[in-house]
Every structure is written in C-alpha cells, then in structure tokens.
Amino acid sequence: MRKFRGKAIDHGKHHGKMVYGHLSEWESGSWIDCGTEQESEWVPVDPETVGQFIGIKDGTTDEEWCEDDILTPNPHAKNQELQVICYDIHQGRYKGVPLSAYELNAGNGGWTGFDIKSWQKRIGNVHENPELLAPKEGAEQHETD
C-alpha cells in the first residue's frame, strides 16, 4: 500500500498536526489510518494537505519525503532556489521544482524541475511552513492573476 500524510482536522489529539499512514477517500472526506498494524486509527485530514510519499529517504535522518516537502537546493546546480517536491504528470515522476516555477505553475501538474537527490535536506513543507515560500528581500517577484 502507498503511504500518505495530511493535516488532521479532527478535534482530538491529532488536531492540526500532520498524520502519516494509508489514505482512504470517502463521501465524508479524506481519512488517513495512522494506527498500528494491530489497531487502526482513522483520522480525518484536510484534502488540500494530502501528499504521497515519493519513495526517497533523507540520506542522513532516514526520514521519508512527500509531495509538497520543501528541500534545500542541489549544491551542484546553477539554480540555488529552494525546491518543492511535485509530481510531473507529463514525465510521470516526482521532481524538485524551484520556488519561482512552483509559484507560477501551482496546481497545473506540468512542472519544470530537477531530479531529487537523497543528499538534499528536507527543511519543511508548504502546509506547515508557508513562510519558506515567501520571496526573499530583493528577489524578483512574479505577478499572479
């Protein structure tokens, strides 16, 4: 089974936190089972925050990465922007999309990005760390309509 994460919208112990596990979509919304193998614990999640694990782990902490995670730039690339993990529907794979391209293409699924390397570092995600998406002082800003 594929693993996912999403922000819990219940009013229990998980409220407002990211939960990890198996996803199920129902008429009542999106739910993630964050329980154990012995006992299920289905938690309702905000569907806008659901991201799939991409099958790559951080090279130092063994943490699994998801769609919408924010990564440090590839130190060997000319483009030194932070990158957001996105699924490229045209190439059928996950890519590290520079913030400038992410902001311009948000939501259309066609991305110009880079291969993701396990030695990059995950520094957050777009749902819990929106401040990382803010343009830096002096950076070029793009108009969005």
Protein backbone atom coordinates (compact mmCIF):
# COMPACT_ATOMS: atom_id res chain seq x y z
CA MET A 1 0.00 0.00 0.00
CA ARG A 2 1.08 3.54 -0.65
CA LYS A 3 1.74 5.84 2.29
CA PHE A 4 0.47 9.38 2.62
CA ARG A 5 0.44 12.29 5.03
CA GLY A 6 -2.09 15.02 5.68
CA LYS A 7 -3.02 17.63 8.27
CA ALA A 8 -5.58 16.33 10.78
CA ILE A 9 -8.85 18.25 11.05
CA ASP A 10 -10.35 16.25 13.91
CA HIS A 11 -10.81 17.80 17.33
CA GLY A 12 -8.87 15.08 19.11
CA LYS A 13 -5.22 14.50 19.92
CA HIS A 14 -4.08 14.91 16.29
CA HIS A 15 -5.85 18.22 15.54
CA GLY A 16 -3.69 20.48 13.38
CA LYS A 17 -0.81 18.00 13.20
CA MET A 18 0.45 16.01 10.25
CA VAL A 19 -0.53 12.34 10.40
CA TYR A 20 1.08 9.56 8.38
CA GLY A 21 -0.34 6.30 7.05
CA HIS A 22 -2.73 4.87 4.47
CA LEU A 23 -5.25 7.13 2.70
CA SER A 24 -8.92 6.46 2.06
CA GLU A 25 -11.31 8.79 0.22
CA TRP A 26 -14.98 8.68 1.24
CA GLU A 27 -18.04 10.86 0.69
CA SER A 28 -17.35 12.20 4.18
CA GLY A 29 -13.84 13.32 3.15
CA SER A 30 -10.23 12.18 3.21
CA TRP A 31 -9.04 9.91 6.03
CA ILE A 32 -5.60 8.57 6.98
CA ASP A 33 -5.10 5.47 9.10
CA CYS A 34 -2.27 6.44 11.42
CA GLY A 35 -2.74 3.46 13.73
CA THR A 36 -0.59 0.39 14.17
CA GLU A 37 -0.66 -2.92 12.31
CA GLN A 38 -2.74 -4.31 15.16
CA GLU A 39 -5.22 -1.43 15.53
CA SER A 40 -6.50 1.12 13.02
CA GLU A 41 -6.90 4.79 13.90
CA TRP A 42 -8.64 6.67 11.09
CA VAL A 43 -8.22 10.45 11.27
CA PRO A 44 -9.98 12.98 9.00
CA VAL A 45 -7.50 15.17 7.10
CA ASP A 46 -7.66 18.33 5.01
CA PRO A 47 -7.57 17.02 1.40
CA GLU A 48 -5.54 20.06 0.30
CA THR A 49 -2.68 18.89 2.53
CA VAL A 50 -2.58 15.24 1.45
CA GLY A 51 0.72 14.22 -0.11
CA GLN A 52 2.09 10.85 -1.15
CA PHE A 53 5.44 9.50 -0.01
CA ILE A 54 7.77 9.60 -3.02
CA GLY A 55 9.96 6.61 -2.19
CA ILE A 56 13.08 8.58 -1.29
CA LYS A 57 14.51 8.93 2.20
CA ASP A 58 16.75 11.65 3.52
CA GLY A 59 20.35 10.47 3.30
CA THR A 60 21.13 11.46 6.89
CA THR A 61 17.98 11.10 9.02
CA ASP A 62 16.20 8.29 7.13
CA GLU A 63 13.08 10.49 7.01
CA GLU A 64 10.72 9.72 4.12
CA TRP A 65 9.81 12.58 1.80
CA CYS A 66 6.36 13.54 0.47
CA GLU A 67 4.81 15.69 -2.19
CA ASP A 68 4.88 19.35 -1.10
CA ASP A 69 8.04 18.95 1.01
CA ILE A 70 10.50 21.82 0.68
CA LEU A 71 14.13 20.87 0.01
CA THR A 72 17.43 22.68 0.06
CA PRO A 73 18.85 23.42 -3.39
CA ASN A 74 21.12 20.97 -5.14
CA PRO A 75 24.57 22.44 -4.35
CA HIS A 76 25.84 21.29 -7.76
CA ALA A 77 23.10 23.07 -9.74
CA LYS A 78 23.29 26.60 -11.09
CA ASN A 79 19.80 27.39 -9.73
CA GLN A 80 20.12 27.80 -5.96
CA GLU A 81 16.43 28.25 -5.10
CA LEU A 82 14.66 26.09 -2.58
CA GLN A 83 12.71 23.28 -4.26
CA VAL A 84 9.20 21.89 -3.70
CA ILE A 85 8.57 18.20 -4.43
CA CYS A 86 5.85 17.96 -7.10
CA TYR A 87 4.54 15.23 -9.38
CA ASP A 88 5.13 15.91 -13.07
CA ILE A 89 2.13 14.45 -14.91
CA HIS A 90 3.96 14.66 -18.26
CA GLN A 91 7.04 12.70 -17.17
CA GLY A 92 5.27 10.51 -14.60
CA ARG A 93 7.72 11.18 -11.77
CA TYR A 94 8.47 13.42 -8.80
CA LYS A 95 10.77 16.40 -9.28
CA GLY A 96 12.29 19.19 -7.23
CA VAL A 97 10.62 22.34 -8.56
CA PRO A 98 12.33 25.71 -7.90
CA LEU A 99 10.12 28.08 -5.90
CA SER A 100 9.79 30.52 -8.82
CA ALA A 101 8.38 27.79 -11.10
CA TYR A 102 6.20 26.39 -8.29
CA GLU A 103 4.58 29.80 -7.73
CA LEU A 104 3.91 30.29 -11.45
CA ASN A 105 2.57 26.77 -12.13
CA ALA A 106 0.84 25.97 -8.84
CA GLY A 107 -1.86 23.42 -9.49
CA ASN A 108 -1.42 22.63 -13.19
CA GLY A 109 0.73 19.50 -12.80
CA GLY A 110 3.21 20.33 -15.57
CA TRP A 111 6.49 21.18 -13.90
CA THR A 112 9.97 22.18 -14.91
CA GLY A 113 12.17 20.78 -12.21
CA PHE A 114 15.21 18.81 -11.26
CA ASP A 115 15.96 15.26 -10.19
CA ILE A 116 15.60 14.86 -6.44
CA LYS A 117 18.76 13.75 -4.66
CA SER A 118 18.74 11.95 -1.32
CA TRP A 119 21.54 14.15 -0.03
CA GLN A 120 19.35 17.23 -0.27
CA LYS A 121 17.79 18.21 3.04
CA ARG A 122 14.08 18.50 3.84
CA ILE A 123 13.50 21.80 5.64
CA GLY A 124 9.71 21.78 5.85
CA ASN A 125 6.59 21.56 3.72
CA VAL A 126 4.25 24.05 2.07
CA HIS A 127 1.42 23.40 4.56
CA GLU A 128 3.29 23.79 7.85
CA ASN A 129 5.98 26.24 6.70
CA PRO A 130 4.38 28.73 4.27
CA GLU A 131 6.94 31.33 5.34
CA LEU A 132 9.54 29.38 3.33
CA LEU A 133 7.54 30.18 0.17
CA ALA A 134 7.70 33.95 0.75
CA PRO A 135 10.05 35.79 -1.60
CA LYS A 136 13.30 36.90 -0.02
CA GLU A 137 14.01 40.61 0.18
CA GLY A 138 15.40 41.84 -3.12
CA ALA A 139 14.28 38.73 -5.01
CA GLU A 140 12.42 39.03 -8.30
CA GLN A 141 8.67 38.79 -7.75
CA HIS A 142 6.15 37.45 -10.26
CA GLU A 143 2.61 38.71 -10.68
CA THR A 144 -0.09 36.08 -10.43
CA ASP A 145 -3.60 36.53 -11.80
